[in-house]
Amino acid sequence: MYEFETKGTCSTKIRFDIVDGNLHSVLFDGGCEGNSKAISALVEGMNAAEVSKKLKGLLCGKRGTSCADQFAGAIEQRL
């Protein structure tokens, strides 16, 4: 299980596995519970690199980042 500490978001940490290039067991600590559960459910089993490309650059208000954007960075770091 890979752990990534987020910066500039309501969530504080993202945990996930990458098996054979695909995402599994994605969990967000904190943040918007419904959104984080939705992201986790939607990306389960998907290709990690493709998910990162889709989520990178999505912003939340004026924060300059978002939980999805931080997740994209975490995936890139892990790959």
C-alpha atoms as a PDB file:
ATOM      1  CA  MET A   1       0.000   0.000   0.000  1.00  0.00           C
ATOM      2  CA  TYR A   2       1.497   3.311  -1.112  1.00  0.00           C
ATOM      3  CA  GLU A   3       0.852   6.380   1.070  1.00  0.00           C
ATOM      4  CA  PHE A   4       0.974   9.957  -0.202  1.00  0.00           C
ATOM      5  CA  GLU A   5       0.635  13.028   2.027  1.00  0.00           C
ATOM      6  CA  THR A   6      -1.385  15.712   0.241  1.00  0.00           C
ATOM      7  CA  LYS A   7      -0.706  19.449   0.262  1.00  0.00           C
ATOM      8  CA  GLY A   8      -3.296  22.218  -0.074  1.00  0.00           C
ATOM      9  CA  THR A   9      -6.389  19.987   0.133  1.00  0.00           C
ATOM     10  CA  CYS A  10      -8.940  18.979   2.725  1.00  0.00           C
ATOM     11  CA  SER A  11      -7.755  15.380   2.500  1.00  0.00           C
ATOM     12  CA  THR A  12      -4.477  14.746   4.291  1.00  0.00           C
ATOM     13  CA  LYS A  13      -3.347  11.423   2.852  1.00  0.00           C
ATOM     14  CA  ILE A  14      -4.128   9.086  -0.054  1.00  0.00           C
ATOM     15  CA  ARG A  15      -3.434   5.358   0.093  1.00  0.00           C
ATOM     16  CA  PHE A  16      -3.548   3.010  -2.886  1.00  0.00           C
ATOM     17  CA  ASP A  17      -2.051  -0.021  -4.580  1.00  0.00           C
ATOM     18  CA  ILE A  18      -0.945  -0.417  -8.175  1.00  0.00           C
ATOM     19  CA  VAL A  19      -0.974  -4.014  -9.377  1.00  0.00           C
ATOM     20  CA  ASP A  20       0.002  -4.805 -12.963  1.00  0.00           C
ATOM     21  CA  GLY A  21      -0.418  -1.106 -13.795  1.00  0.00           C
ATOM     22  CA  ASN A  22      -3.964  -0.894 -12.381  1.00  0.00           C
ATOM     23  CA  LEU A  23      -5.262   0.966  -9.319  1.00  0.00           C
ATOM     24  CA  HIS A  24      -6.712  -0.848  -6.322  1.00  0.00           C
ATOM     25  CA  SER A  25      -7.838  -0.061  -2.771  1.00  0.00           C
ATOM     26  CA  VAL A  26      -7.835   3.745  -3.111  1.00  0.00           C
ATOM     27  CA  LEU A  27      -8.541   5.473   0.215  1.00  0.00           C
ATOM     28  CA  PHE A  28      -8.538   9.186   1.057  1.00  0.00           C
ATOM     29  CA  ASP A  29      -8.058  10.403   4.645  1.00  0.00           C
ATOM     30  CA  GLY A  30     -10.298  13.422   5.203  1.00  0.00           C
ATOM     31  CA  GLY A  31     -11.753  15.613   2.512  1.00  0.00           C
ATOM     32  CA  CYS A  32     -15.235  15.438   1.026  1.00  0.00           C
ATOM     33  CA  GLU A  33     -16.367  11.938   1.915  1.00  0.00           C
ATOM     34  CA  GLY A  34     -18.765  11.536  -1.003  1.00  0.00           C
ATOM     35  CA  ASN A  35     -16.267  12.773  -3.579  1.00  0.00           C
ATOM     36  CA  SER A  36     -13.426  10.662  -2.256  1.00  0.00           C
ATOM     37  CA  LYS A  37     -15.615   7.546  -2.183  1.00  0.00           C
ATOM     38  CA  ALA A  38     -16.738   8.294  -5.736  1.00  0.00           C
ATOM     39  CA  ILE A  39     -13.181   8.689  -7.003  1.00  0.00           C
ATOM     40  CA  SER A  40     -12.152   5.473  -5.254  1.00  0.00           C
ATOM     41  CA  ALA A  41     -15.052   3.507  -6.752  1.00  0.00           C
ATOM     42  CA  LEU A  42     -14.629   4.943 -10.242  1.00  0.00           C
ATOM     43  CA  VAL A  43     -10.906   4.255 -10.556  1.00  0.00           C
ATOM     44  CA  GLU A  44     -10.870   0.754  -9.033  1.00  0.00           C
ATOM     45  CA  GLY A  45      -9.141  -1.571 -11.508  1.00  0.00           C
ATOM     46  CA  MET A  46      -8.386   1.200 -14.024  1.00  0.00           C
ATOM     47  CA  ASN A  47      -4.992   1.812 -15.615  1.00  0.00           C
ATOM     48  CA  ALA A  48      -3.054   4.071 -13.249  1.00  0.00           C
ATOM     49  CA  ALA A  49      -1.335   6.136 -15.950  1.00  0.00           C
ATOM     50  CA  GLU A  50      -4.648   6.837 -17.712  1.00  0.00           C
ATOM     51  CA  VAL A  51      -6.308   7.915 -14.454  1.00  0.00           C
ATOM     52  CA  SER A  52      -3.411  10.239 -13.694  1.00  0.00           C
ATOM     53  CA  LYS A  53      -3.697  11.904 -17.114  1.00  0.00           C
ATOM     54  CA  LYS A  54      -7.438  12.488 -16.633  1.00  0.00           C
ATOM     55  CA  LEU A  55      -7.208  13.883 -13.087  1.00  0.00           C
ATOM     56  CA  LYS A  56      -4.064  16.000 -13.391  1.00  0.00           C
ATOM     57  CA  GLY A  57      -4.799  19.725 -13.320  1.00  0.00           C
ATOM     58  CA  LEU A  58      -8.348  19.517 -11.944  1.00  0.00           C
ATOM     59  CA  LEU A  59      -8.648  22.327  -9.400  1.00  0.00           C
ATOM     60  CA  CYS A  60     -10.844  22.978  -6.358  1.00  0.00           C
ATOM     61  CA  GLY A  61     -11.729  26.654  -6.100  1.00  0.00           C
ATOM     62  CA  LYS A  62      -8.720  28.927  -5.717  1.00  0.00           C
ATOM     63  CA  ARG A  63      -6.536  26.312  -4.042  1.00  0.00           C
ATOM     64  CA  GLY A  64      -4.418  25.651  -7.117  1.00  0.00           C
ATOM     65  CA  THR A  65      -4.925  21.917  -6.641  1.00  0.00           C
ATOM     66  CA  SER A  66      -7.586  19.401  -5.611  1.00  0.00           C
ATOM     67  CA  CYS A  67      -7.790  15.920  -4.119  1.00  0.00           C
ATOM     68  CA  ALA A  68      -8.025  14.539  -7.671  1.00  0.00           C
ATOM     69  CA  ASP A  69      -4.993  16.575  -8.778  1.00  0.00           C
ATOM     70  CA  GLN A  70      -3.034  15.427  -5.725  1.00  0.00           C
ATOM     71  CA  PHE A  71      -4.025  11.823  -6.498  1.00  0.00           C
ATOM     72  CA  ALA A  72      -2.717  12.267 -10.065  1.00  0.00           C
ATOM     73  CA  GLY A  73       0.598  13.475  -8.649  1.00  0.00           C
ATOM     74  CA  ALA A  74       0.732  10.564  -6.219  1.00  0.00           C
ATOM     75  CA  ILE A  75       0.169   8.101  -9.063  1.00  0.00           C
ATOM     76  CA  GLU A  76       2.921   9.738 -11.136  1.00  0.00           C
ATOM     77  CA  GLN A  77       5.272   9.601  -8.168  1.00  0.00           C
ATOM     78  CA  ARG A  78       4.520   5.927  -7.565  1.00  0.00           C
ATOM     79  CA  LEU A  79       4.875   4.955 -11.228  1.00  0.00           C
END
